[in-house]
PDB file of N, CA and C in Angstrom:
ATOM      1  N   MET A   1      23.885-138.029  72.993  1.00  0.00           N
ATOM      2  CA  MET A   1      25.178-138.511  72.533  1.00  0.00           C
ATOM      3  C   MET A   1      26.094-138.843  73.711  1.00  0.00           C
ATOM      4  N   LYS A   2      25.945-138.060  74.794  1.00  0.00           N
ATOM      5  CA  LYS A   2      26.778-138.283  75.974  1.00  0.00           C
ATOM      6  C   LYS A   2      26.508-139.674  76.565  1.00  0.00           C
ATOM      7  N   ARG A   3      25.233-140.052  76.654  1.00  0.00           N
ATOM      8  CA  ARG A   3      24.881-141.358  77.210  1.00  0.00           C
ATOM      9  C   ARG A   3      25.306-142.491  76.288  1.00  0.00           C
ATOM     10  N   LEU A   4      25.180-142.276  75.006  1.00  0.00           N
ATOM     11  CA  LEU A   4      25.599-143.302  74.053  1.00  0.00           C
ATOM     12  C   LEU A   4      27.102-143.539  74.147  1.00  0.00           C
ATOM     13  N   SER A   5      27.875-142.462  74.228  1.00  0.00           N
ATOM     14  CA  SER A   5      29.326-142.633  74.334  1.00  0.00           C
ATOM     15  C   SER A   5      29.696-143.316  75.648  1.00  0.00           C
ATOM     16  N   ALA A   6      28.976-143.013  76.735  1.00  0.00           N
ATOM     17  CA  ALA A   6      29.229-143.676  78.016  1.00  0.00           C
ATOM     18  C   ALA A   6      28.909-145.165  77.919  1.00  0.00           C
ATOM     19  N   ALA A   7      27.817-145.500  77.245  1.00  0.00           N
ATOM     20  CA  ALA A   7      27.442-146.904  77.078  1.00  0.00           C
ATOM     21  C   ALA A   7      28.464-147.656  76.234  1.00  0.00           C
ATOM     22  N   VAL A   8      28.921-147.040  75.159  1.00  0.00           N
ATOM     23  CA  VAL A   8      29.931-147.677  74.302  1.00  0.00           C
ATOM     24  C   VAL A   8      31.233-147.871  75.069  1.00  0.00           C
ATOM     25  N   CYS A   9      31.639-146.871  75.828  1.00  0.00           N
ATOM     26  CA  CYS A   9      32.861-146.995  76.635  1.00  0.00           C
ATOM     27  C   CYS A   9      32.713-148.099  77.674  1.00  0.00           C
ATOM     28  N   GLY A  10      31.550-148.191  78.315  1.00  0.00           N
ATOM     29  CA  GLY A  10      31.306-149.243  79.295  1.00  0.00           C
ATOM     30  C   GLY A  10      31.350-150.627  78.675  1.00  0.00           C
ATOM     31  N   LEU A  11      30.747-150.760  77.511  1.00  0.00           N
ATOM     32  CA  LEU A  11      30.778-152.051  76.814  1.00  0.00           C
ATOM     33  C   LEU A  11      32.196-152.419  76.390  1.00  0.00           C
ATOM     34  N   LEU A  12      32.949-151.448  75.912  1.00  0.00           N
ATOM     35  CA  LEU A  12      34.337-151.691  75.520  1.00  0.00           C
ATOM     36  C   LEU A  12      35.185-152.091  76.723  1.00  0.00           C
ATOM     37  N   PHE A  13      34.960-151.407  77.846  1.00  0.00           N
ATOM     38  CA  PHE A  13      35.680-151.737  79.078  1.00  0.00           C
ATOM     39  C   PHE A  13      35.342-153.158  79.532  1.00  0.00           C
ATOM     40  N   GLY A  14      34.052-153.497  79.528  1.00  0.00           N
ATOM     41  CA  GLY A  14      33.631-154.838  79.918  1.00  0.00           C
ATOM     42  C   GLY A  14      34.186-155.908  78.998  1.00  0.00           C
ATOM     43  N   LEU A  15      34.223-155.614  77.712  1.00  0.00           N
ATOM     44  CA  LEU A  15      34.797-156.556  76.754  1.00  0.00           C
ATOM     45  C   LEU A  15      36.286-156.758  77.038  1.00  0.00           C
ATOM     46  N   GLY A  16      36.969-155.676  77.342  1.00  0.00           N
ATOM     47  CA  GLY A  16      38.393-155.781  77.680  1.00  0.00           C
ATOM     48  C   GLY A  16      38.618-156.625  78.928  1.00  0.00           C
ATOM     49  N   LEU A  17      37.755-156.441  79.933  1.00  0.00           N
ATOM     50  CA  LEU A  17      37.861-157.251  81.152  1.00  0.00           C
ATOM     51  C   LEU A  17      37.636-158.726  80.841  1.00  0.00           C
ATOM     52  N   ALA A  18      36.644-159.007  80.013  1.00  0.00           N
ATOM     53  CA  ALA A  18      36.349-160.398  79.668  1.00  0.00           C
ATOM     54  C   ALA A  18      37.473-161.033  78.860  1.00  0.00           C
ATOM     55  N   ILE A  19      38.015-160.304  77.901  1.00  0.00           N
ATOM     56  CA  ILE A  19      39.099-160.837  77.076  1.00  0.00           C
ATOM     57  C   ILE A  19      40.347-161.102  77.918  1.00  0.00           C
ATOM     58  N   SER A  20      40.618-160.203  78.875  1.00  0.00           N
ATOM     59  CA  SER A  20      41.819-160.352  79.695  1.00  0.00           C
ATOM     60  C   SER A  20      41.660-161.388  80.799  1.00  0.00           C
ATOM     61  N   GLY A  21      40.434-161.835  81.047  1.00  0.00           N
ATOM     62  CA  GLY A  21      40.205-162.828  82.080  1.00  0.00           C
ATOM     63  C   GLY A  21      39.907-162.243  83.446  1.00  0.00           C
ATOM     64  N   MET A  22      39.761-160.924  83.513  1.00  0.00           N
ATOM     65  CA  MET A  22      39.507-160.300  84.810  1.00  0.00           C
ATOM     66  C   MET A  22      38.088-160.555  85.308  1.00  0.00           C
ATOM     67  N   ASP A  23      37.263-161.195  84.523  1.00  0.00           N
ATOM     68  CA  ASP A  23      35.925-161.565  84.992  1.00  0.00           C
ATOM     69  C   ASP A  23      35.930-162.953  85.636  1.00  0.00           C
ATOM     70  N   LEU A  24      37.076-163.613  85.636  1.00  0.00           N
ATOM     71  CA  LEU A  24      37.204-164.930  86.249  1.00  0.00           C
ATOM     72  C   LEU A  24      37.779-164.786  87.656  1.00  0.00           C
ATOM     73  N   PRO A  25      37.012-165.149  88.675  1.00  0.00           N
ATOM     74  CA  PRO A  25      37.507-165.011  90.043  1.00  0.00           C
ATOM     75  C   PRO A  25      38.837-165.729  90.274  1.00  0.00           C
ATOM     76  N   SER A  26      39.019-166.891  89.664  1.00  0.00           N
ATOM     77  CA  SER A  26      40.271-167.635  89.861  1.00  0.00           C
ATOM     78  C   SER A  26      41.468-166.870  89.309  1.00  0.00           C
ATOM     79  N   LYS A  27      41.263-166.169  88.202  1.00  0.00           N
ATOM     80  CA  LYS A  27      42.347-165.381  87.595  1.00  0.00           C
ATOM     81  C   LYS A  27      42.717-164.205  88.489  1.00  0.00           C
ATOM     82  N   VAL A  28      41.707-163.514  89.010  1.00  0.00           N
ATOM     83  CA  VAL A  28      41.952-162.364  89.882  1.00  0.00           C
ATOM     84  C   VAL A  28      42.583-162.819  91.194  1.00  0.00           C
ATOM     85  N   LEU A  29      42.079-163.910  91.765  1.00  0.00           N
ATOM     86  CA  LEU A  29      42.665-164.425  93.008  1.00  0.00           C
ATOM     87  C   LEU A  29      44.109-164.868  92.789  1.00  0.00           C
ATOM     88  N   GLY A  30      44.394-165.451  91.637  1.00  0.00           N
ATOM     89  CA  GLY A  30      45.774-165.829  91.318  1.00  0.00           C
ATOM     90  C   GLY A  30      46.687-164.618  91.229  1.00  0.00           C
ATOM     91  N   PHE A  31      46.155-163.507  90.724  1.00  0.00           N
ATOM     92  CA  PHE A  31      46.954-162.281  90.648  1.00  0.00           C
ATOM     93  C   PHE A  31      47.172-161.681  92.036  1.00  0.00           C
ATOM     94  N   LEU A  32      46.151-161.741  92.883  1.00  0.00           N
ATOM     95  CA  LEU A  32      46.258-161.155  94.218  1.00  0.00           C
ATOM     96  C   LEU A  32      47.042-162.038  95.183  1.00  0.00           C
ATOM     97  N   ASN A  33      47.266-163.292  94.863  1.00  0.00           N
ATOM     98  CA  ASN A  33      47.968-164.227  95.734  1.00  0.00           C
ATOM     99  C   ASN A  33      49.479-164.108  95.523  1.00  0.00           C
ATOM    100  N   VAL A  34      50.049-163.020  96.014  1.00  0.00           N
ATOM    101  CA  VAL A  34      51.485-162.793  95.802  1.00  0.00           C
ATOM    102  C   VAL A  34      52.339-163.676  96.696  1.00  0.00           C
ATOM    103  N   ALA A  35      51.781-164.229  97.762  1.00  0.00           N
ATOM    104  CA  ALA A  35      52.552-165.075  98.672  1.00  0.00           C
ATOM    105  C   ALA A  35      52.555-166.535  98.223  1.00  0.00           C
ATOM    106  N   GLY A  36      51.656-166.902  97.314  1.00  0.00           N
ATOM    107  CA  GLY A  36      51.572-168.293  96.853  1.00  0.00           C
ATOM    108  C   GLY A  36      51.972-168.401  95.397  1.00  0.00           C
ATOM    109  N   ARG A  37      51.118-169.051  94.619  1.00  0.00           N
ATOM    110  CA  ARG A  37      51.373-169.199  93.174  1.00  0.00           C
ATOM    111  C   ARG A  37      50.833-167.968  92.466  1.00  0.00           C
ATOM    112  N   TRP A  38      51.680-166.981  92.321  1.00  0.00           N
ATOM    113  CA  TRP A  38      51.268-165.690  91.768  1.00  0.00           C
ATOM    114  C   TRP A  38      51.127-165.777  90.256  1.00  0.00           C
ATOM    115  N   ASP A  39      49.986-165.332  89.735  1.00  0.00           N
ATOM    116  CA  ASP A  39      49.737-165.267  88.296  1.00  0.00           C
ATOM    117  C   ASP A  39      49.890-163.812  87.868  1.00  0.00           C
ATOM    118  N   ALA A  40      51.009-163.487  87.258  1.00  0.00           N
ATOM    119  CA  ALA A  40      51.319-162.102  86.908  1.00  0.00           C
ATOM    120  C   ALA A  40      50.745-161.674  85.564  1.00  0.00           C
ATOM    121  N   SER A  41      49.926-162.508  84.927  1.00  0.00           N
ATOM    122  CA  SER A  41      49.441-162.184  83.585  1.00  0.00           C
ATOM    123  C   SER A  41      48.576-160.922  83.556  1.00  0.00           C
ATOM    124  N   LEU A  42      47.848-160.644  84.641  1.00  0.00           N
ATOM    125  CA  LEU A  42      47.028-159.431  84.660  1.00  0.00           C
ATOM    126  C   LEU A  42      47.884-158.168  84.754  1.00  0.00           C
ATOM    127  N   LEU A  43      49.138-158.336  85.096  1.00  0.00           N
ATOM    128  CA  LEU A  43      50.054-157.200  85.106  1.00  0.00           C
ATOM    129  C   LEU A  43      50.232-156.646  83.691  1.00  0.00           C
ATOM    130  N   PHE A  44      50.147-157.505  82.692  1.00  0.00           N
ATOM    131  CA  PHE A  44      50.228-157.049  81.305  1.00  0.00           C
ATOM    132  C   PHE A  44      48.992-156.239  80.919  1.00  0.00           C
ATOM    133  N   VAL A  45      47.835-156.609  81.464  1.00  0.00           N
ATOM    134  CA  VAL A  45      46.619-155.830  81.233  1.00  0.00           C
ATOM    135  C   VAL A  45      46.791-154.436  81.827  1.00  0.00           C
ATOM    136  N   LEU A  46      47.292-154.383  83.048  1.00  0.00           N
ATOM    137  CA  LEU A  46      47.551-153.099  83.699  1.00  0.00           C
ATOM    138  C   LEU A  46      48.574-152.291  82.908  1.00  0.00           C
ATOM    139  N   GLY A  47      49.627-152.932  82.463  1.00  0.00           N
ATOM    140  CA  GLY A  47      50.647-152.240  81.668  1.00  0.00           C
ATOM    141  C   GLY A  47      50.090-151.680  80.372  1.00  0.00           C
ATOM    142  N   GLY A  48      49.219-152.429  79.718  1.00  0.00           N
ATOM    143  CA  GLY A  48      48.589-151.940  78.498  1.00  0.00           C
ATOM    144  C   GLY A  48      47.708-150.735  78.757  1.00  0.00           C
ATOM    145  N   ALA A  49      46.966-150.764  79.867  1.00  0.00           N
ATOM    146  CA  ALA A  49      46.107-149.630  80.218  1.00  0.00           C
ATOM    147  C   ALA A  49      46.934-148.389  80.531  1.00  0.00           C
ATOM    148  N   VAL A  50      48.027-148.576  81.250  1.00  0.00           N
ATOM    149  CA  VAL A  50      48.902-147.446  81.579  1.00  0.00           C
ATOM    150  C   VAL A  50      49.535-146.878  80.307  1.00  0.00           C
ATOM    151  N   ALA A  51      49.933-147.739  79.390  1.00  0.00           N
ATOM    152  CA  ALA A  51      50.549-147.272  78.145  1.00  0.00           C
ATOM    153  C   ALA A  51      49.560-146.465  77.302  1.00  0.00           C
ATOM    154  N   VAL A  52      48.337-146.958  77.166  1.00  0.00           N
ATOM    155  CA  VAL A  52      47.324-146.229  76.391  1.00  0.00           C
ATOM    156  C   VAL A  52      47.030-144.886  77.042  1.00  0.00           C
ATOM    157  N   THR A  53      46.902-144.869  78.366  1.00  0.00           N
ATOM    158  CA  THR A  53      46.642-143.617  79.079  1.00  0.00           C
ATOM    159  C   THR A  53      47.801-142.644  78.930  1.00  0.00           C
ATOM    160  N   ALA A  54      49.021-143.130  79.048  1.00  0.00           N
ATOM    161  CA  ALA A  54      50.191-142.264  78.930  1.00  0.00           C
ATOM    162  C   ALA A  54      50.280-141.624  77.546  1.00  0.00           C
ATOM    163  N   ILE A  55      49.866-142.352  76.524  1.00  0.00           N
ATOM    164  CA  ILE A  55      49.901-141.810  75.161  1.00  0.00           C
ATOM    165  C   ILE A  55      48.738-140.853  74.919  1.00  0.00           C
ATOM    166  N   ALA A  56      47.542-141.212  75.382  1.00  0.00           N
ATOM    167  CA  ALA A  56      46.340-140.431  75.075  1.00  0.00           C
ATOM    168  C   ALA A  56      46.164-139.199  75.959  1.00  0.00           C
ATOM    169  N   PHE A  57      46.603-139.248  77.193  1.00  0.00           N
ATOM    170  CA  PHE A  57      46.319-138.173  78.137  1.00  0.00           C
ATOM    171  C   PHE A  57      46.837-136.808  77.700  1.00  0.00           C
ATOM    172  N   PRO A  58      48.045-136.708  77.155  1.00  0.00           N
ATOM    173  CA  PRO A  58      48.494-135.380  76.696  1.00  0.00           C
ATOM    174  C   PRO A  58      47.585-134.772  75.619  1.00  0.00           C
ATOM    175  N   PHE A  59      47.026-135.597  74.750  1.00  0.00           N
ATOM    176  CA  PHE A  59      46.108-135.094  73.726  1.00  0.00           C
ATOM    177  C   PHE A  59      44.806-134.598  74.353  1.00  0.00           C
ATOM    178  N   VAL A  60      44.318-135.309  75.347  1.00  0.00           N
ATOM    179  CA  VAL A  60      43.080-134.918  76.024  1.00  0.00           C
ATOM    180  C   VAL A  60      43.287-133.603  76.778  1.00  0.00           C
ATOM    181  N   ARG A  61      44.422-133.450  77.420  1.00  0.00           N
ATOM    182  CA  ARG A  61      44.679-132.229  78.198  1.00  0.00           C
ATOM    183  C   ARG A  61      44.757-130.986  77.322  1.00  0.00           C
ATOM    184  N   ARG A  62      45.111-131.148  76.062  1.00  0.00           N
ATOM    185  CA  ARG A  62      45.207-129.994  75.169  1.00  0.00           C
ATOM    186  C   ARG A  62      43.850-129.508  74.667  1.00  0.00           C
ATOM    187  N   ARG A  63      42.823-130.331  74.833  1.00  0.00           N
ATOM    188  CA  ARG A  63      41.485-129.945  74.362  1.00  0.00           C
ATOM    189  C   ARG A  63      40.880-128.899  75.281  1.00  0.00           C
ATOM    190  N   ALA A  64      40.123-127.999  74.719  1.00  0.00           N
ATOM    191  CA  ALA A  64      39.450-126.971  75.516  1.00  0.00           C
ATOM    192  C   ALA A  64      38.245-127.552  76.251  1.00  0.00           C
ATOM    193  N   LYS A  65      37.598-128.560  75.633  1.00  0.00           N
ATOM    194  CA  LYS A  65      36.428-129.185  76.252  1.00  0.00           C
ATOM    195  C   LYS A  65      36.309-130.614  75.732  1.00  0.00           C
ATOM    196  N   PRO A  66      35.575-131.453  76.464  1.00  0.00           N
ATOM    197  CA  PRO A  66      35.375-132.825  75.984  1.00  0.00           C
ATOM    198  C   PRO A  66      34.553-132.859  74.692  1.00  0.00           C
ATOM    199  N   VAL A  67      34.579-133.964  74.022  1.00  0.00           N
ATOM    200  CA  VAL A  67      33.853-134.099  72.762  1.00  0.00           C
ATOM    201  C   VAL A  67      32.345-134.046  72.984  1.00  0.00           C
ATOM    202  N   PHE A  68      31.834-134.716  74.037  1.00  0.00           N
ATOM    203  CA  PHE A  68      30.395-134.813  74.244  1.00  0.00           C
ATOM    204  C   PHE A  68      29.907-134.063  75.481  1.00  0.00           C
ATOM    205  N   ASP A  69      30.609-133.031  75.917  1.00  0.00           N
ATOM    206  CA  ASP A  69      30.174-132.243  77.069  1.00  0.00           C
ATOM    207  C   ASP A  69      30.676-130.817  76.909  1.00  0.00           C
ATOM    208  N   THR A  70      30.236-129.944  77.803  1.00  0.00           N
ATOM    209  CA  THR A  70      30.599-128.527  77.679  1.00  0.00           C
ATOM    210  C   THR A  70      31.892-128.181  78.403  1.00  0.00           C
ATOM    211  N   ALA A  71      32.274-128.975  79.412  1.00  0.00           N
ATOM    212  CA  ALA A  71      33.493-128.686  80.163  1.00  0.00           C
ATOM    213  C   ALA A  71      33.986-129.958  80.840  1.00  0.00           C
ATOM    214  N   PHE A  72      35.285-129.972  81.143  1.00  0.00           N
ATOM    215  CA  PHE A  72      35.843-131.071  81.916  1.00  0.00           C
ATOM    216  C   PHE A  72      35.426-130.920  83.367  1.00  0.00           C
ATOM    217  N   GLU A  73      35.133-132.032  84.017  1.00  0.00           N
ATOM    218  CA  GLU A  73      34.787-131.999  85.437  1.00  0.00           C
ATOM    219  C   GLU A  73      36.032-132.355  86.235  1.00  0.00           C
ATOM    220  N   ARG A  74      36.465-131.432  87.040  1.00  0.00           N
ATOM    221  CA  ARG A  74      37.653-131.660  87.881  1.00  0.00           C
ATOM    222  C   ARG A  74      37.238-131.607  89.342  1.00  0.00           C
ATOM    223  N   ILE A  75      37.763-132.524  90.117  1.00  0.00           N
ATOM    224  CA  ILE A  75      37.462-132.544  91.543  1.00  0.00           C
ATOM    225  C   ILE A  75      38.437-131.614  92.243  1.00  0.00           C
ATOM    226  N   ALA A  76      37.890-130.685  93.011  1.00  0.00           N
ATOM    227  CA  ALA A  76      38.729-129.768  93.779  1.00  0.00           C
ATOM    228  C   ALA A  76      39.412-130.546  94.900  1.00  0.00           C
ATOM    229  N   PRO A  77      40.670-130.224  95.210  1.00  0.00           N
ATOM    230  CA  PRO A  77      41.387-130.959  96.262  1.00  0.00           C
ATOM    231  C   PRO A  77      40.652-130.957  97.607  1.00  0.00           C
ATOM    232  N   GLU A  78      39.911-129.909  97.900  1.00  0.00           N
ATOM    233  CA  GLU A  78      39.209-129.868  99.181  1.00  0.00           C
ATOM    234  C   GLU A  78      38.015-130.820  99.216  1.00  0.00           C
ATOM    235  N   ARG A  79      37.623-131.370  98.088  1.00  0.00           N
ATOM    236  CA  ARG A  79      36.515-132.335  98.055  1.00  0.00           C
ATOM    237  C   ARG A  79      36.990-133.754  98.322  1.00  0.00           C
ATOM    238  N   ILE A  80      38.292-133.963  98.417  1.00  0.00           N
ATOM    239  CA  ILE A  80      38.814-135.280  98.772  1.00  0.00           C
ATOM    240  C   ILE A  80      38.828-135.332 100.299  1.00  0.00           C
ATOM    241  N   ASP A  81      37.784-135.972 100.864  1.00  0.00           N
ATOM    242  CA  ASP A  81      37.616-135.946 102.306  1.00  0.00           C
ATOM    243  C   ASP A  81      37.571-137.368 102.865  1.00  0.00           C
ATOM    244  N   VAL A  82      37.334-137.476 104.154  1.00  0.00           N
ATOM    245  CA  VAL A  82      37.344-138.769 104.841  1.00  0.00           C
ATOM    246  C   VAL A  82      36.290-139.721 104.273  1.00  0.00           C
ATOM    247  N   PRO A  83      35.034-139.292 104.023  1.00  0.00           N
ATOM    248  CA  PRO A  83      34.073-140.241 103.441  1.00  0.00           C
ATOM    249  C   PRO A  83      34.511-140.766 102.068  1.00  0.00           C
ATOM    250  N   LEU A  84      35.119-139.925 101.254  1.00  0.00           N
ATOM    251  CA  LEU A  84      35.594-140.371  99.945  1.00  0.00           C
ATOM    252  C   LEU A  84      36.702-141.409 100.098  1.00  0.00           C
ATOM    253  N   LEU A  85      37.673-141.129 100.948  1.00  0.00           N
ATOM    254  CA  LEU A  85      38.771-142.073 101.164  1.00  0.00           C
ATOM    255  C   LEU A  85      38.272-143.365 101.805  1.00  0.00           C
ATOM    256  N   GLY A  86      37.311-143.249 102.726  1.00  0.00           N
ATOM    257  CA  GLY A  86      36.742-144.443 103.345  1.00  0.00           C
ATOM    258  C   GLY A  86      36.009-145.311 102.333  1.00  0.00           C
ATOM    259  N   GLY A  87      35.262-144.668 101.441  1.00  0.00           N
ATOM    260  CA  GLY A  87      34.570-145.420 100.391  1.00  0.00           C
ATOM    261  C   GLY A  87      35.536-146.101  99.446  1.00  0.00           C
ATOM    262  N   ALA A  88      36.611-145.407  99.118  1.00  0.00           N
ATOM    263  CA  ALA A  88      37.642-146.007  98.240  1.00  0.00           C
ATOM    264  C   ALA A  88      38.299-147.206  98.921  1.00  0.00           C
ATOM    265  N   ALA A  89      38.589-147.069 100.222  1.00  0.00           N
ATOM    266  CA  ALA A  89      39.190-148.164 100.974  1.00  0.00           C
ATOM    267  C   ALA A  89      38.240-149.358 101.067  1.00  0.00           C
ATOM    268  N   LEU A  90      36.957-149.072 101.317  1.00  0.00           N
ATOM    269  CA  LEU A  90      35.966-150.147 101.392  1.00  0.00           C
ATOM    270  C   LEU A  90      35.827-150.863 100.056  1.00  0.00           C
ATOM    271  N   PHE A  91      35.857-150.111  98.972  1.00  0.00           N
ATOM    272  CA  PHE A  91      35.811-150.709  97.644  1.00  0.00           C
ATOM    273  C   PHE A  91      37.026-151.626  97.440  1.00  0.00           C
ATOM    274  N   GLY A  92      38.200-151.148  97.807  1.00  0.00           N
ATOM    275  CA  GLY A  92      39.415-151.961  97.644  1.00  0.00           C
ATOM    276  C   GLY A  92      39.379-153.234  98.456  1.00  0.00           C
ATOM    277  N   VAL A  93      38.905-153.140  99.693  1.00  0.00           N
ATOM    278  CA  VAL A  93      38.806-154.337 100.549  1.00  0.00           C
ATOM    279  C   VAL A  93      37.784-155.293  99.961  1.00  0.00           C
ATOM    280  N   GLY A  94      36.671-154.771  99.478  1.00  0.00           N
ATOM    281  CA  GLY A  94      35.665-155.636  98.869  1.00  0.00           C
ATOM    282  C   GLY A  94      36.178-156.319  97.616  1.00  0.00           C
ATOM    283  N   TRP A  95      36.967-155.615  96.846  1.00  0.00           N
ATOM    284  CA  TRP A  95      37.522-156.177  95.623  1.00  0.00           C
ATOM    285  C   TRP A  95      38.525-157.278  95.957  1.00  0.00           C
ATOM    286  N   ALA A  96      39.303-157.042  97.007  1.00  0.00           N
ATOM    287  CA  ALA A  96      40.314-158.028  97.408  1.00  0.00           C
ATOM    288  C   ALA A  96      39.642-159.257  97.964  1.00  0.00           C
TER     289      ALA A  96
END
């Protein structure tokens, strides 16, 4: 059930990206081009994601455990290290 829910969430996420146009390089480049002709339409996608998270997160935090797992996985602050930050930075540069 855990894998099925992950697959459904992935498909839903991909569908959302496709509907919003985030799968189109020209759309993403237009959003990232803040010095030229900036296309702010993807800002609404971000705003929608933040709104859904802001509403849903308090309900998730009140649960004792996830629906399809035995416990929540939390990253300890000491596990945020230089390789993790470097990988995140490399991902961001690659995305840009």
